[in-house]
Amino acid sequence: MVAAFSAALLRSPSKPNGLAACVGYLQEDASLVPSRQMGMRALQNLRGSLFSAPGREAEMSLLWREALATACYARVVAVQAHFDSPLLTGAGLLHRASEIVALRALAQAERDAGQRLVGPVMQEILNARDDELVARVTRCWMLPCELRMLILRWREEQDLVRRPESVSLLTMAQAFATELVHAATCTPGLVQAASEAMQFPGALVERVRSATPGIQGLLDQLAPLPAG
């Protein structure tokens, strides 16, 4: 199984379908996206082409839900901070690139070996934070340089005292998404702690939080909670 998993990790998935189109459609308020038929189709195609791991559907569904929520919050955060909204939105969609690829590889290895690993496998994958893997995958996907560098820098520099504005803003968006998607297990006060660490004004926090109902509605349609 270990050998199969290692081999599968070396086979990067193809570049996500319609990434630029998805980022474009997500530049609208999340509450409006469900009425955009082509936008919904583009996002569904992205889900099917990248966020797919037969046999590990529940774990991948959560990754997709978090990615979509982070992208939606990233747009709102960027608008409030007068930052590059498409850049931050794209980084939100792909900020878990290595976890996505690792989970796909695990699912493939399990199919090839006819076995399933038990225990907290997904948590171990999330904790691994394999920066070498995300560097290789984003290079293979030939992402725009600014987008690729933001994803890499977020993984490497989000905990630093001195960090680029882009990293701080993506960290804020991810905190909002975590609060929404993982409400039952999220650390209490996560957004508040992040806003203090990132020096994100309280008034902006409330403006971003006001977008939550629309984002929740989009998640309900495109990224419903896994059954059970």
Protein backbone atom coordinates (compact mmCIF):
# COMPACT_ATOMS: atom_id res chain seq x y z
CA MET A 1 0.00 0.00 0.00
CA VAL A 2 2.80 2.43 0.90
CA ALA A 3 4.54 1.76 -2.41
CA ALA A 4 1.29 2.24 -4.32
CA PHE A 5 0.61 5.50 -2.50
CA SER A 6 4.12 6.79 -3.22
CA ALA A 7 3.76 5.92 -6.90
CA ALA A 8 0.37 7.59 -7.11
CA LEU A 9 1.77 10.78 -5.54
CA LEU A 10 4.23 11.07 -8.42
CA ARG A 11 1.37 11.23 -10.93
CA SER A 12 0.06 14.78 -10.66
CA PRO A 13 -3.53 15.26 -11.82
CA SER A 14 -4.04 17.30 -14.96
CA LYS A 15 -4.53 21.05 -14.68
CA PRO A 16 -7.95 21.89 -13.19
CA ASN A 17 -10.61 22.44 -15.85
CA GLY A 18 -11.88 25.99 -16.27
CA LEU A 19 -10.06 27.45 -13.28
CA ALA A 20 -9.96 30.97 -14.74
CA ALA A 21 -13.66 30.82 -15.61
CA CYS A 22 -14.54 29.71 -12.07
CA VAL A 23 -12.52 32.57 -10.59
CA GLY A 24 -14.34 34.95 -12.91
CA TYR A 25 -17.80 33.73 -11.95
CA LEU A 26 -16.89 33.94 -8.26
CA GLN A 27 -16.23 37.67 -8.59
CA GLU A 28 -19.95 38.19 -8.06
CA ASP A 29 -21.65 38.08 -4.70
CA ALA A 30 -22.05 34.41 -3.73
CA SER A 31 -25.81 34.85 -3.45
CA LEU A 32 -25.97 35.63 -7.20
CA VAL A 33 -23.83 32.75 -8.45
CA PRO A 34 -26.61 30.09 -8.28
CA SER A 35 -28.57 32.07 -10.88
CA ARG A 36 -25.63 31.92 -13.33
CA GLN A 37 -26.14 28.64 -15.17
CA MET A 38 -22.76 28.69 -16.91
CA GLY A 39 -21.00 29.65 -13.71
CA MET A 40 -22.59 26.78 -11.80
CA ARG A 41 -21.63 24.40 -14.60
CA ALA A 42 -18.03 25.64 -14.54
CA LEU A 43 -17.79 25.11 -10.80
CA GLN A 44 -19.34 21.65 -11.06
CA ASN A 45 -16.79 20.78 -13.75
CA LEU A 46 -13.96 21.95 -11.50
CA ARG A 47 -15.35 19.80 -8.71
CA GLY A 48 -15.51 16.77 -10.98
CA SER A 49 -12.11 17.24 -12.59
CA LEU A 50 -10.01 17.99 -9.52
CA PHE A 51 -11.92 17.30 -6.30
CA SER A 52 -12.54 13.65 -7.10
CA ALA A 53 -11.38 10.66 -5.07
CA PRO A 54 -13.57 7.55 -5.55
CA GLY A 55 -13.71 5.68 -2.27
CA ARG A 56 -12.80 8.83 -0.32
CA GLU A 57 -15.81 10.93 -1.30
CA ALA A 58 -16.58 12.17 2.21
CA GLU A 59 -13.10 13.55 2.81
CA MET A 60 -12.87 15.11 -0.65
CA SER A 61 -16.32 16.67 -0.27
CA LEU A 62 -15.09 18.50 2.81
CA LEU A 63 -11.98 19.72 0.95
CA TRP A 64 -14.18 20.99 -1.89
CA ARG A 65 -16.54 22.67 0.57
CA GLU A 66 -13.64 24.42 2.31
CA ALA A 67 -12.03 25.44 -1.00
CA LEU A 68 -15.24 26.97 -2.33
CA ALA A 69 -15.96 28.77 0.94
CA THR A 70 -12.39 30.10 1.13
CA ALA A 71 -12.60 31.37 -2.45
CA CYS A 72 -15.90 33.15 -1.74
CA TYR A 73 -14.60 34.75 1.44
CA ALA A 74 -11.34 35.64 -0.34
CA ARG A 75 -13.26 37.75 -2.84
CA VAL A 76 -15.04 39.62 -0.06
CA VAL A 77 -11.84 40.11 1.94
CA ALA A 78 -10.03 41.36 -1.17
CA VAL A 79 -12.77 43.85 -2.01
CA GLN A 80 -12.80 45.20 1.54
CA ALA A 81 -8.98 45.47 1.57
CA HIS A 82 -8.77 46.90 -1.98
CA PHE A 83 -6.61 43.95 -3.02
CA ASP A 84 -6.43 41.87 -6.23
CA SER A 85 -9.71 39.95 -5.97
CA PRO A 86 -9.19 37.35 -8.77
CA LEU A 87 -5.74 36.50 -7.41
CA LEU A 88 -6.99 35.95 -3.87
CA THR A 89 -10.05 34.04 -5.09
CA GLY A 90 -7.92 31.66 -7.16
CA ALA A 91 -5.60 31.08 -4.23
CA GLY A 92 -8.64 30.33 -2.07
CA LEU A 93 -9.80 27.63 -4.48
CA LEU A 94 -6.37 25.96 -4.58
CA HIS A 95 -4.94 26.68 -1.14
CA ARG A 96 -5.25 22.98 -0.20
CA ALA A 97 -3.64 21.76 -3.43
CA SER A 98 -1.28 19.28 -1.79
CA GLU A 99 -4.03 17.78 0.39
CA ILE A 100 -6.28 17.41 -2.67
CA VAL A 101 -3.55 15.65 -4.65
CA ALA A 102 -2.53 13.47 -1.70
CA LEU A 103 -6.11 12.35 -1.10
CA ARG A 104 -6.56 11.53 -4.79
CA ALA A 105 -3.33 9.51 -4.65
CA LEU A 106 -4.50 7.67 -1.54
CA ALA A 107 -7.81 6.77 -3.17
CA GLN A 108 -5.97 5.50 -6.26
CA ALA A 109 -3.55 3.45 -4.14
CA GLU A 110 -6.43 1.90 -2.22
CA ARG A 111 -8.16 0.93 -5.47
CA ASP A 112 -4.96 -0.54 -6.90
CA ALA A 113 -4.18 -2.50 -3.74
CA GLY A 114 -7.75 -3.55 -3.02
CA GLN A 115 -7.30 -2.36 0.58
CA ARG A 116 -8.41 0.62 2.59
CA LEU A 117 -6.32 2.34 5.22
CA VAL A 118 -8.15 2.89 8.49
CA GLY A 119 -7.69 5.44 11.24
CA PRO A 120 -7.25 9.20 11.04
CA VAL A 121 -5.68 9.05 7.57
CA MET A 122 -7.13 12.33 6.35
CA GLN A 123 -5.93 14.20 9.43
CA GLU A 124 -2.44 12.85 8.88
CA ILE A 125 -2.55 14.07 5.27
CA LEU A 126 -3.69 17.52 6.40
CA ASN A 127 -1.01 17.69 9.06
CA ALA A 128 1.73 16.72 6.60
CA ARG A 129 1.62 20.09 4.76
CA ASP A 130 3.94 18.76 2.07
CA ASP A 131 5.36 21.97 0.58
CA GLU A 132 7.50 20.01 -1.90
CA LEU A 133 4.35 18.34 -3.24
CA VAL A 134 2.43 21.58 -3.66
CA ALA A 135 5.42 23.20 -5.38
CA ARG A 136 5.66 20.34 -7.86
CA VAL A 137 1.92 20.17 -8.52
CA THR A 138 1.41 23.90 -9.02
CA ARG A 139 4.42 23.97 -11.34
CA CYS A 140 3.00 21.05 -13.32
CA TRP A 141 -0.32 22.89 -13.63
CA MET A 142 1.53 25.92 -15.05
CA LEU A 143 -0.42 28.30 -12.84
CA PRO A 144 0.18 32.03 -13.28
CA CYS A 145 3.31 32.97 -11.36
CA GLU A 146 1.56 35.30 -8.90
CA LEU A 147 -1.06 32.68 -8.06
CA ARG A 148 1.47 29.91 -7.61
CA MET A 149 3.70 32.04 -5.41
CA LEU A 150 0.78 33.11 -3.21
CA ILE A 151 -0.25 29.51 -2.60
CA LEU A 152 3.34 28.58 -1.72
CA ARG A 153 3.90 31.63 0.46
CA TRP A 154 0.64 31.10 2.33
CA ARG A 155 1.73 27.61 3.28
CA GLU A 156 5.20 28.73 4.33
CA GLU A 157 4.63 32.17 5.86
CA GLN A 158 1.16 32.37 7.38
CA ASP A 159 2.52 31.88 10.90
CA LEU A 160 5.31 34.45 10.59
CA VAL A 161 5.05 37.74 12.45
CA ARG A 162 6.06 39.66 9.32
CA ARG A 163 4.16 38.34 6.32
CA PRO A 164 3.04 39.77 2.97
CA GLU A 165 -0.40 41.37 2.84
CA SER A 166 -1.57 38.71 0.40
CA VAL A 167 -0.73 35.94 2.87
CA SER A 168 -2.53 37.73 5.71
CA LEU A 169 -5.65 38.25 3.58
CA LEU A 170 -5.75 34.63 2.42
CA THR A 171 -5.30 33.51 6.03
CA MET A 172 -8.29 35.64 7.03
CA ALA A 173 -10.43 34.17 4.25
CA GLN A 174 -9.44 30.66 5.28
CA ALA A 175 -10.30 31.41 8.91
CA PHE A 176 -13.80 32.55 7.91
CA ALA A 177 -14.21 29.41 5.80
CA THR A 178 -13.03 27.15 8.61
CA GLU A 179 -15.50 28.80 10.99
CA LEU A 180 -18.33 28.08 8.53
CA VAL A 181 -17.37 24.66 7.17
CA HIS A 182 -16.01 23.13 10.37
CA ALA A 183 -18.33 24.86 12.83
CA ALA A 184 -18.60 21.80 15.09
CA THR A 185 -14.84 21.39 15.52
CA CYS A 186 -13.51 24.89 14.84
CA THR A 187 -11.48 26.53 17.59
CA PRO A 188 -13.75 29.07 19.31
CA GLY A 189 -12.82 32.63 18.38
CA LEU A 190 -10.72 31.57 15.40
CA VAL A 191 -11.72 34.53 13.23
CA GLN A 192 -11.22 36.98 16.08
CA ALA A 193 -7.76 35.58 16.81
CA ALA A 194 -6.84 35.67 13.14
CA SER A 195 -8.06 39.24 12.72
CA GLU A 196 -5.92 40.36 15.66
CA ALA A 197 -2.86 38.50 14.37
CA MET A 198 -3.36 39.83 10.85
CA GLN A 199 -4.31 43.32 12.07
CA PHE A 200 -7.60 43.09 10.18
CA PRO A 201 -9.95 45.85 11.47
CA GLY A 202 -13.02 44.72 13.36
CA ALA A 203 -15.33 46.73 11.11
CA LEU A 204 -14.04 44.80 8.11
CA VAL A 205 -14.54 41.51 9.94
CA GLU A 206 -18.23 42.30 10.33
CA ARG A 207 -18.57 43.30 6.67
CA VAL A 208 -16.98 40.05 5.57
CA ARG A 209 -19.10 38.04 7.98
CA SER A 210 -22.25 39.61 6.51
CA ALA A 211 -21.55 37.65 3.31
CA THR A 212 -21.93 34.33 5.14
CA PRO A 213 -25.63 33.67 4.30
CA GLY A 214 -24.93 33.97 0.57
CA ILE A 215 -21.86 31.77 0.81
CA GLN A 216 -23.78 29.20 2.83
CA GLY A 217 -26.48 29.14 0.17
CA LEU A 218 -23.91 28.50 -2.56
CA LEU A 219 -22.32 25.71 -0.53
CA ASP A 220 -25.72 24.11 -0.03
CA GLN A 221 -26.10 23.84 -3.80
CA LEU A 222 -22.57 23.05 -4.94
CA ALA A 223 -20.90 21.55 -1.87
CA PRO A 224 -23.51 19.96 0.41
CA LEU A 225 -22.39 18.26 3.57
CA PRO A 226 -21.43 14.59 3.05
CA ALA A 227 -24.12 12.15 4.10
CA GLY A 228 -23.63 10.73 7.56
